[in-house]
């Protein structure tokens, strides 16, 4: 298990906090696996705001071009 830190814009951060967004579409560059922790740090485009939240990854979707997922990208779900 590892922690993966990522920037996230305020509108998406708020959706995660409200519980209406339970996934991230990201470049597949961190070798994410189920049970890793995704640490989302709010970024306003210039600086970090100080707000952050962690989610345990439950599912990783990769290599699914038949569903429109481009090579080199993955969807992380919690």
N, C-alpha and C. Protein backbone atom coordinates (compact mmCIF):
# COMPACT_ATOMS: atom_id res chain seq x y z
N UNK A 1 0.85 -1.17 0.00
CA UNK A 1 0.00 0.00 0.00
C UNK A 1 0.89 1.24 0.00
N UNK A 2 0.52 2.19 -0.85
CA UNK A 2 1.28 3.44 -0.91
C UNK A 2 0.30 4.61 -0.97
N UNK A 3 0.83 5.80 -0.75
CA UNK A 3 0.04 7.03 -0.85
C UNK A 3 0.45 7.75 -2.12
N UNK A 4 -0.56 8.13 -2.90
CA UNK A 4 -0.36 8.83 -4.16
C UNK A 4 -0.95 10.23 -4.00
N UNK A 5 -0.13 11.26 -4.10
CA UNK A 5 -0.59 12.64 -3.94
C UNK A 5 -0.88 13.26 -5.30
N UNK A 6 -2.05 13.91 -5.42
CA UNK A 6 -2.44 14.56 -6.67
C UNK A 6 -3.09 15.90 -6.38
N UNK A 7 -2.84 16.87 -7.28
CA UNK A 7 -3.55 18.15 -7.24
C UNK A 7 -4.96 17.93 -7.75
N UNK A 8 -5.91 18.75 -7.23
CA UNK A 8 -7.29 18.70 -7.71
C UNK A 8 -7.88 20.11 -7.62
N UNK A 9 -8.56 20.51 -8.67
CA UNK A 9 -9.18 21.84 -8.70
C UNK A 9 -10.36 21.93 -7.74
N UNK A 10 -10.66 23.13 -7.23
CA UNK A 10 -11.71 23.29 -6.21
C UNK A 10 -13.07 22.71 -6.59
N UNK A 11 -13.52 22.87 -7.82
CA UNK A 11 -14.85 22.36 -8.18
C UNK A 11 -14.91 20.84 -8.07
N UNK A 12 -13.82 20.16 -8.40
CA UNK A 12 -13.79 18.70 -8.30
C UNK A 12 -13.56 18.27 -6.86
N UNK A 13 -12.74 19.01 -6.14
CA UNK A 13 -12.50 18.72 -4.73
C UNK A 13 -13.82 18.77 -3.96
N UNK A 14 -14.61 19.82 -4.20
CA UNK A 14 -15.90 19.96 -3.52
C UNK A 14 -16.83 18.79 -3.83
N UNK A 15 -16.83 18.32 -5.08
CA UNK A 15 -17.67 17.19 -5.45
C UNK A 15 -17.23 15.92 -4.72
N UNK A 16 -15.92 15.75 -4.54
CA UNK A 16 -15.43 14.59 -3.78
C UNK A 16 -15.88 14.70 -2.33
N UNK A 17 -15.71 15.86 -1.72
CA UNK A 17 -16.09 16.07 -0.33
C UNK A 17 -17.59 15.82 -0.12
N UNK A 18 -18.41 16.28 -1.08
CA UNK A 18 -19.86 16.09 -0.98
C UNK A 18 -20.27 14.65 -1.24
N UNK A 19 -19.37 13.83 -1.76
CA UNK A 19 -19.67 12.43 -2.01
C UNK A 19 -20.35 12.15 -3.34
N UNK A 20 -20.40 13.15 -4.22
CA UNK A 20 -21.04 12.93 -5.52
C UNK A 20 -20.04 12.51 -6.59
N UNK A 21 -18.76 12.63 -6.31
CA UNK A 21 -17.71 12.18 -7.23
C UNK A 21 -16.85 11.16 -6.50
N UNK A 22 -16.83 9.95 -7.02
CA UNK A 22 -16.08 8.89 -6.34
C UNK A 22 -15.07 8.21 -7.27
N UNK A 23 -14.48 9.02 -8.15
CA UNK A 23 -13.49 8.51 -9.09
C UNK A 23 -12.58 9.64 -9.54
N UNK A 24 -11.45 9.27 -10.08
CA UNK A 24 -10.53 10.23 -10.72
C UNK A 24 -10.05 9.62 -12.02
N UNK A 25 -10.05 10.42 -13.07
CA UNK A 25 -9.45 10.05 -14.35
C UNK A 25 -8.06 10.69 -14.37
N UNK A 26 -7.03 9.87 -14.49
CA UNK A 26 -5.66 10.36 -14.37
C UNK A 26 -4.74 9.67 -15.36
N UNK A 27 -3.60 10.32 -15.64
CA UNK A 27 -2.54 9.63 -16.37
C UNK A 27 -2.12 8.43 -15.52
N UNK A 28 -1.87 7.33 -16.17
CA UNK A 28 -1.49 6.10 -15.47
C UNK A 28 0.02 6.11 -15.25
N UNK A 29 0.46 6.94 -14.29
CA UNK A 29 1.89 7.14 -14.07
C UNK A 29 2.35 6.76 -12.67
N UNK A 30 1.43 6.30 -11.83
CA UNK A 30 1.79 6.03 -10.43
C UNK A 30 1.68 4.57 -10.04
N UNK A 31 1.39 3.69 -11.01
CA UNK A 31 1.21 2.27 -10.72
C UNK A 31 0.21 2.06 -9.59
N UNK A 32 -0.90 2.80 -9.64
CA UNK A 32 -1.93 2.71 -8.60
C UNK A 32 -2.56 1.33 -8.59
N UNK A 33 -2.85 0.85 -7.39
CA UNK A 33 -3.47 -0.45 -7.19
C UNK A 33 -4.53 -0.32 -6.11
N UNK A 34 -5.50 -1.24 -6.09
CA UNK A 34 -6.47 -1.24 -4.99
C UNK A 34 -5.75 -1.28 -3.64
N UNK A 35 -6.31 -0.57 -2.69
CA UNK A 35 -5.81 -0.41 -1.32
C UNK A 35 -4.74 0.66 -1.20
N UNK A 36 -4.28 1.25 -2.31
CA UNK A 36 -3.42 2.44 -2.21
C UNK A 36 -4.31 3.60 -1.76
N UNK A 37 -3.69 4.61 -1.17
CA UNK A 37 -4.43 5.80 -0.73
C UNK A 37 -4.17 6.93 -1.72
N UNK A 38 -5.25 7.53 -2.20
CA UNK A 38 -5.16 8.69 -3.08
C UNK A 38 -5.36 9.93 -2.22
N UNK A 39 -4.32 10.74 -2.09
CA UNK A 39 -4.39 11.98 -1.31
C UNK A 39 -4.61 13.12 -2.29
N UNK A 40 -5.81 13.71 -2.24
CA UNK A 40 -6.17 14.80 -3.14
C UNK A 40 -5.95 16.12 -2.42
N UNK A 41 -5.11 16.97 -3.01
CA UNK A 41 -4.76 18.26 -2.42
C UNK A 41 -5.34 19.36 -3.29
N UNK A 42 -6.21 20.17 -2.71
CA UNK A 42 -6.87 21.22 -3.48
C UNK A 42 -5.86 22.24 -3.99
N UNK A 43 -5.96 22.54 -5.29
CA UNK A 43 -5.05 23.45 -5.99
C UNK A 43 -5.89 24.45 -6.75
N UNK A 44 -5.71 25.73 -6.50
CA UNK A 44 -6.55 26.74 -7.14
C UNK A 44 -5.97 27.25 -8.46
N UNK A 45 -4.96 26.58 -8.96
CA UNK A 45 -4.33 26.99 -10.21
C UNK A 45 -3.03 27.75 -10.00
N UNK A 46 -2.82 28.22 -8.77
CA UNK A 46 -1.59 28.95 -8.44
C UNK A 46 -0.90 28.37 -7.21
N UNK A 47 -1.71 28.03 -6.20
CA UNK A 47 -1.17 27.51 -4.94
C UNK A 47 -2.10 26.45 -4.36
N UNK A 48 -1.58 25.71 -3.41
CA UNK A 48 -2.42 24.78 -2.66
C UNK A 48 -3.23 25.60 -1.66
N UNK A 49 -4.48 25.19 -1.43
CA UNK A 49 -5.36 25.93 -0.53
C UNK A 49 -5.21 25.47 0.92
N UNK A 50 -4.62 24.31 1.12
CA UNK A 50 -4.51 23.75 2.46
C UNK A 50 -5.54 22.66 2.73
N UNK A 51 -6.55 22.57 1.85
CA UNK A 51 -7.55 21.51 2.01
C UNK A 51 -7.07 20.25 1.29
N UNK A 52 -7.26 19.13 1.94
CA UNK A 52 -6.91 17.85 1.34
C UNK A 52 -7.80 16.76 1.90
N UNK A 53 -7.90 15.68 1.15
CA UNK A 53 -8.69 14.54 1.60
C UNK A 53 -8.07 13.27 1.03
N UNK A 54 -8.16 12.21 1.76
CA UNK A 54 -7.62 10.93 1.31
C UNK A 54 -8.74 9.94 1.05
N UNK A 55 -8.56 9.12 0.03
CA UNK A 55 -9.52 8.08 -0.32
C UNK A 55 -8.75 6.80 -0.61
N UNK A 56 -9.25 5.66 -0.10
CA UNK A 56 -8.63 4.39 -0.41
C UNK A 56 -9.16 3.90 -1.76
N UNK A 57 -8.26 3.63 -2.66
CA UNK A 57 -8.63 3.15 -3.98
C UNK A 57 -9.20 1.74 -3.87
N UNK A 58 -10.38 1.56 -4.45
CA UNK A 58 -11.03 0.25 -4.44
C UNK A 58 -10.91 -0.46 -5.79
N UNK A 59 -10.81 0.36 -6.87
CA UNK A 59 -10.82 -0.22 -8.22
C UNK A 59 -9.98 0.64 -9.15
N UNK A 60 -9.25 -0.01 -10.03
CA UNK A 60 -8.46 0.69 -11.05
C UNK A 60 -8.86 0.13 -12.41
N UNK A 61 -9.32 1.02 -13.29
CA UNK A 61 -9.66 0.63 -14.66
C UNK A 61 -8.58 1.19 -15.58
N UNK A 62 -7.98 0.30 -16.34
CA UNK A 62 -6.98 0.70 -17.34
C UNK A 62 -7.12 -0.22 -18.56
N UNK A 63 -6.53 0.21 -19.64
CA UNK A 63 -6.53 -0.59 -20.87
C UNK A 63 -7.95 -0.95 -21.31
N UNK A 64 -8.80 0.06 -21.45
CA UNK A 64 -10.19 -0.18 -21.86
C UNK A 64 -10.57 0.77 -23.00
N UNK A 65 -9.87 0.69 -24.14
CA UNK A 65 -10.19 1.60 -25.25
C UNK A 65 -11.61 1.41 -25.79
N UNK A 66 -12.18 0.23 -25.60
CA UNK A 66 -13.54 -0.02 -26.06
C UNK A 66 -14.57 0.85 -25.34
N UNK A 67 -14.16 1.43 -24.20
CA UNK A 67 -15.02 2.34 -23.44
C UNK A 67 -14.55 3.79 -23.54
N UNK A 68 -13.61 4.06 -24.44
CA UNK A 68 -13.13 5.42 -24.65
C UNK A 68 -11.97 5.83 -23.76
N UNK A 69 -11.44 4.90 -22.97
CA UNK A 69 -10.31 5.22 -22.10
C UNK A 69 -9.03 5.15 -22.93
N UNK A 70 -8.41 6.31 -23.12
CA UNK A 70 -7.21 6.39 -23.96
C UNK A 70 -6.04 5.65 -23.32
N UNK A 71 -5.17 5.07 -24.14
CA UNK A 71 -3.95 4.43 -23.60
C UNK A 71 -3.17 5.44 -22.76
N UNK A 72 -2.61 4.95 -21.66
CA UNK A 72 -1.82 5.81 -20.78
C UNK A 72 -2.62 6.50 -19.70
N UNK A 73 -3.95 6.24 -19.66
CA UNK A 73 -4.81 6.83 -18.64
C UNK A 73 -5.50 5.72 -17.84
N UNK A 74 -5.96 6.06 -16.64
CA UNK A 74 -6.69 5.11 -15.82
C UNK A 74 -7.78 5.85 -15.05
N UNK A 75 -8.74 5.09 -14.58
CA UNK A 75 -9.78 5.62 -13.70
C UNK A 75 -9.59 4.94 -12.36
N UNK A 76 -9.49 5.77 -11.32
CA UNK A 76 -9.34 5.29 -9.94
C UNK A 76 -10.68 5.49 -9.24
N UNK A 77 -11.22 4.43 -8.69
CA UNK A 77 -12.50 4.51 -7.99
C UNK A 77 -12.38 4.14 -6.54
N UNK A 78 -13.22 4.78 -5.72
CA UNK A 78 -13.23 4.48 -4.28
C UNK A 78 -14.64 4.35 -3.78
